[in-house]
Amino acid sequence: MQLTAPATTTRSTGTRDADGMAVASFILGLLGLLVLNVFLGPIAIALAGAALWRGTARRGRAFLGLGLGVADLLVLLAFMQVDSTVSWSF
């Protein structure tokens, strides 16, 4: 009688954490296009990099988070050039 699941069918905690980081980077990068892109963009980039470094199974989502984080910073720079301020508003 076996009380625990076999080790071959469970995923390691590191992979689950990396998958969570990939999803979080995607969501923060997407949210950063609308609000607080000066904070959420770099966080999305860092989470995507950490997820890719840890070997996430959701590589596509991590790359999307990375791209959206860079896009957040580019949007911020574009609006800063137009408004000549550090922040932007509609």
C-alpha atoms as a PDB file:
ATOM      1  CA  MET A   1       0.000   0.000   0.000  1.00  0.00           C
ATOM      2  CA  GLN A   2       1.373   3.385  -1.004  1.00  0.00           C
ATOM      3  CA  LEU A   3       0.234   6.504   0.828  1.00  0.00           C
ATOM      4  CA  THR A   4       1.946   9.112  -1.330  1.00  0.00           C
ATOM      5  CA  ALA A   5       2.023   9.667  -5.061  1.00  0.00           C
ATOM      6  CA  PRO A   6       5.020   8.302  -6.941  1.00  0.00           C
ATOM      7  CA  ALA A   7       7.822  10.814  -7.448  1.00  0.00           C
ATOM      8  CA  THR A   8       7.717  10.453 -11.238  1.00  0.00           C
ATOM      9  CA  THR A   9       4.187  11.850 -11.603  1.00  0.00           C
ATOM     10  CA  THR A  10       4.624  15.000  -9.505  1.00  0.00           C
ATOM     11  CA  ARG A  11       6.193  18.180 -10.763  1.00  0.00           C
ATOM     12  CA  SER A  12       8.980  19.785  -8.838  1.00  0.00           C
ATOM     13  CA  THR A  13       8.285  22.934  -6.874  1.00  0.00           C
ATOM     14  CA  GLY A  14      10.840  24.896  -8.882  1.00  0.00           C
ATOM     15  CA  THR A  15       9.014  24.224 -12.136  1.00  0.00           C
ATOM     16  CA  ARG A  16       5.683  25.242 -10.625  1.00  0.00           C
ATOM     17  CA  ASP A  17       7.249  28.442  -9.289  1.00  0.00           C
ATOM     18  CA  ALA A  18       8.750  29.194 -12.693  1.00  0.00           C
ATOM     19  CA  ASP A  19       5.393  28.626 -14.380  1.00  0.00           C
ATOM     20  CA  GLY A  20       3.773  31.000 -11.888  1.00  0.00           C
ATOM     21  CA  MET A  21       6.441  33.596 -12.585  1.00  0.00           C
ATOM     22  CA  ALA A  22       5.798  33.314 -16.324  1.00  0.00           C
ATOM     23  CA  VAL A  23       2.077  33.882 -15.843  1.00  0.00           C
ATOM     24  CA  ALA A  24       2.690  36.742 -13.398  1.00  0.00           C
ATOM     25  CA  SER A  25       5.074  38.463 -15.817  1.00  0.00           C
ATOM     26  CA  PHE A  26       2.478  38.222 -18.586  1.00  0.00           C
ATOM     27  CA  ILE A  27      -0.286  39.663 -16.403  1.00  0.00           C
ATOM     28  CA  LEU A  28       1.887  42.446 -14.964  1.00  0.00           C
ATOM     29  CA  GLY A  29       3.193  43.348 -18.412  1.00  0.00           C
ATOM     30  CA  LEU A  30      -0.346  43.513 -19.769  1.00  0.00           C
ATOM     31  CA  LEU A  31      -1.552  45.571 -16.828  1.00  0.00           C
ATOM     32  CA  GLY A  32       1.498  47.816 -17.102  1.00  0.00           C
ATOM     33  CA  LEU A  33       0.401  49.005 -20.531  1.00  0.00           C
ATOM     34  CA  LEU A  34      -2.505  50.758 -18.807  1.00  0.00           C
ATOM     35  CA  VAL A  35      -1.243  51.877 -15.390  1.00  0.00           C
ATOM     36  CA  LEU A  36       2.031  52.164 -13.447  1.00  0.00           C
ATOM     37  CA  ASN A  37       4.209  51.092 -16.349  1.00  0.00           C
ATOM     38  CA  VAL A  38       7.301  52.585 -14.700  1.00  0.00           C
ATOM     39  CA  PHE A  39       6.966  49.958 -11.929  1.00  0.00           C
ATOM     40  CA  LEU A  40       5.210  47.043 -13.614  1.00  0.00           C
ATOM     41  CA  GLY A  41       7.407  46.996 -16.733  1.00  0.00           C
ATOM     42  CA  PRO A  42      10.685  46.225 -14.939  1.00  0.00           C
ATOM     43  CA  ILE A  43       8.942  43.755 -12.623  1.00  0.00           C
ATOM     44  CA  ALA A  44       7.508  41.906 -15.637  1.00  0.00           C
ATOM     45  CA  ILE A  45      10.951  41.807 -17.261  1.00  0.00           C
ATOM     46  CA  ALA A  46      12.581  40.467 -14.093  1.00  0.00           C
ATOM     47  CA  LEU A  47       9.912  37.791 -13.549  1.00  0.00           C
ATOM     48  CA  ALA A  48      10.091  36.663 -17.167  1.00  0.00           C
ATOM     49  CA  GLY A  49      13.879  36.429 -17.002  1.00  0.00           C
ATOM     50  CA  ALA A  50      13.733  34.433 -13.770  1.00  0.00           C
ATOM     51  CA  ALA A  51      11.087  32.092 -15.199  1.00  0.00           C
ATOM     52  CA  LEU A  52      13.148  31.458 -18.334  1.00  0.00           C
ATOM     53  CA  TRP A  53      16.302  30.941 -16.269  1.00  0.00           C
ATOM     54  CA  ARG A  54      14.531  28.370 -14.067  1.00  0.00           C
ATOM     55  CA  GLY A  55      13.277  26.461 -17.102  1.00  0.00           C
ATOM     56  CA  THR A  56       9.558  27.127 -17.178  1.00  0.00           C
ATOM     57  CA  ALA A  57       7.253  24.950 -19.224  1.00  0.00           C
ATOM     58  CA  ARG A  58       5.377  28.109 -20.264  1.00  0.00           C
ATOM     59  CA  ARG A  59       8.151  29.643 -22.325  1.00  0.00           C
ATOM     60  CA  GLY A  60       5.737  31.410 -24.660  1.00  0.00           C
ATOM     61  CA  ARG A  61       3.998  33.167 -21.807  1.00  0.00           C
ATOM     62  CA  ALA A  62       7.352  34.165 -20.317  1.00  0.00           C
ATOM     63  CA  PHE A  63       8.470  35.632 -23.652  1.00  0.00           C
ATOM     64  CA  LEU A  64       5.160  37.506 -23.932  1.00  0.00           C
ATOM     65  CA  GLY A  65       5.692  38.895 -20.428  1.00  0.00           C
ATOM     66  CA  LEU A  66       9.205  39.943 -21.405  1.00  0.00           C
ATOM     67  CA  GLY A  67       7.949  41.650 -24.560  1.00  0.00           C
ATOM     68  CA  LEU A  68       5.119  43.382 -22.734  1.00  0.00           C
ATOM     69  CA  GLY A  69       7.518  44.597 -20.037  1.00  0.00           C
ATOM     70  CA  VAL A  70       9.738  46.149 -22.694  1.00  0.00           C
ATOM     71  CA  ALA A  71       6.645  47.604 -24.391  1.00  0.00           C
ATOM     72  CA  ASP A  72       5.619  49.167 -21.062  1.00  0.00           C
ATOM     73  CA  LEU A  73       8.897  51.033 -20.895  1.00  0.00           C
ATOM     74  CA  LEU A  74       8.687  52.065 -24.549  1.00  0.00           C
ATOM     75  CA  VAL A  75       5.171  53.427 -24.032  1.00  0.00           C
ATOM     76  CA  LEU A  76       6.405  55.343 -21.001  1.00  0.00           C
ATOM     77  CA  LEU A  77       9.296  56.815 -22.999  1.00  0.00           C
ATOM     78  CA  ALA A  78       6.985  57.784 -25.871  1.00  0.00           C
ATOM     79  CA  PHE A  79       4.552  59.590 -23.588  1.00  0.00           C
ATOM     80  CA  MET A  80       7.401  61.237 -21.713  1.00  0.00           C
ATOM     81  CA  GLN A  81       8.721  62.639 -24.985  1.00  0.00           C
ATOM     82  CA  VAL A  82       5.309  63.997 -25.936  1.00  0.00           C
ATOM     83  CA  ASP A  83       4.498  65.519 -22.526  1.00  0.00           C
ATOM     84  CA  SER A  84       8.079  66.440 -21.518  1.00  0.00           C
ATOM     85  CA  THR A  85       7.374  65.093 -18.031  1.00  0.00           C
ATOM     86  CA  VAL A  86       8.363  62.059 -16.016  1.00  0.00           C
ATOM     87  CA  SER A  87       4.775  60.808 -15.808  1.00  0.00           C
ATOM     88  CA  TRP A  88       1.958  60.845 -18.297  1.00  0.00           C
ATOM     89  CA  SER A  89      -1.812  61.255 -18.131  1.00  0.00           C
ATOM     90  CA  PHE A  90      -4.666  61.306 -20.587  1.00  0.00           C
END
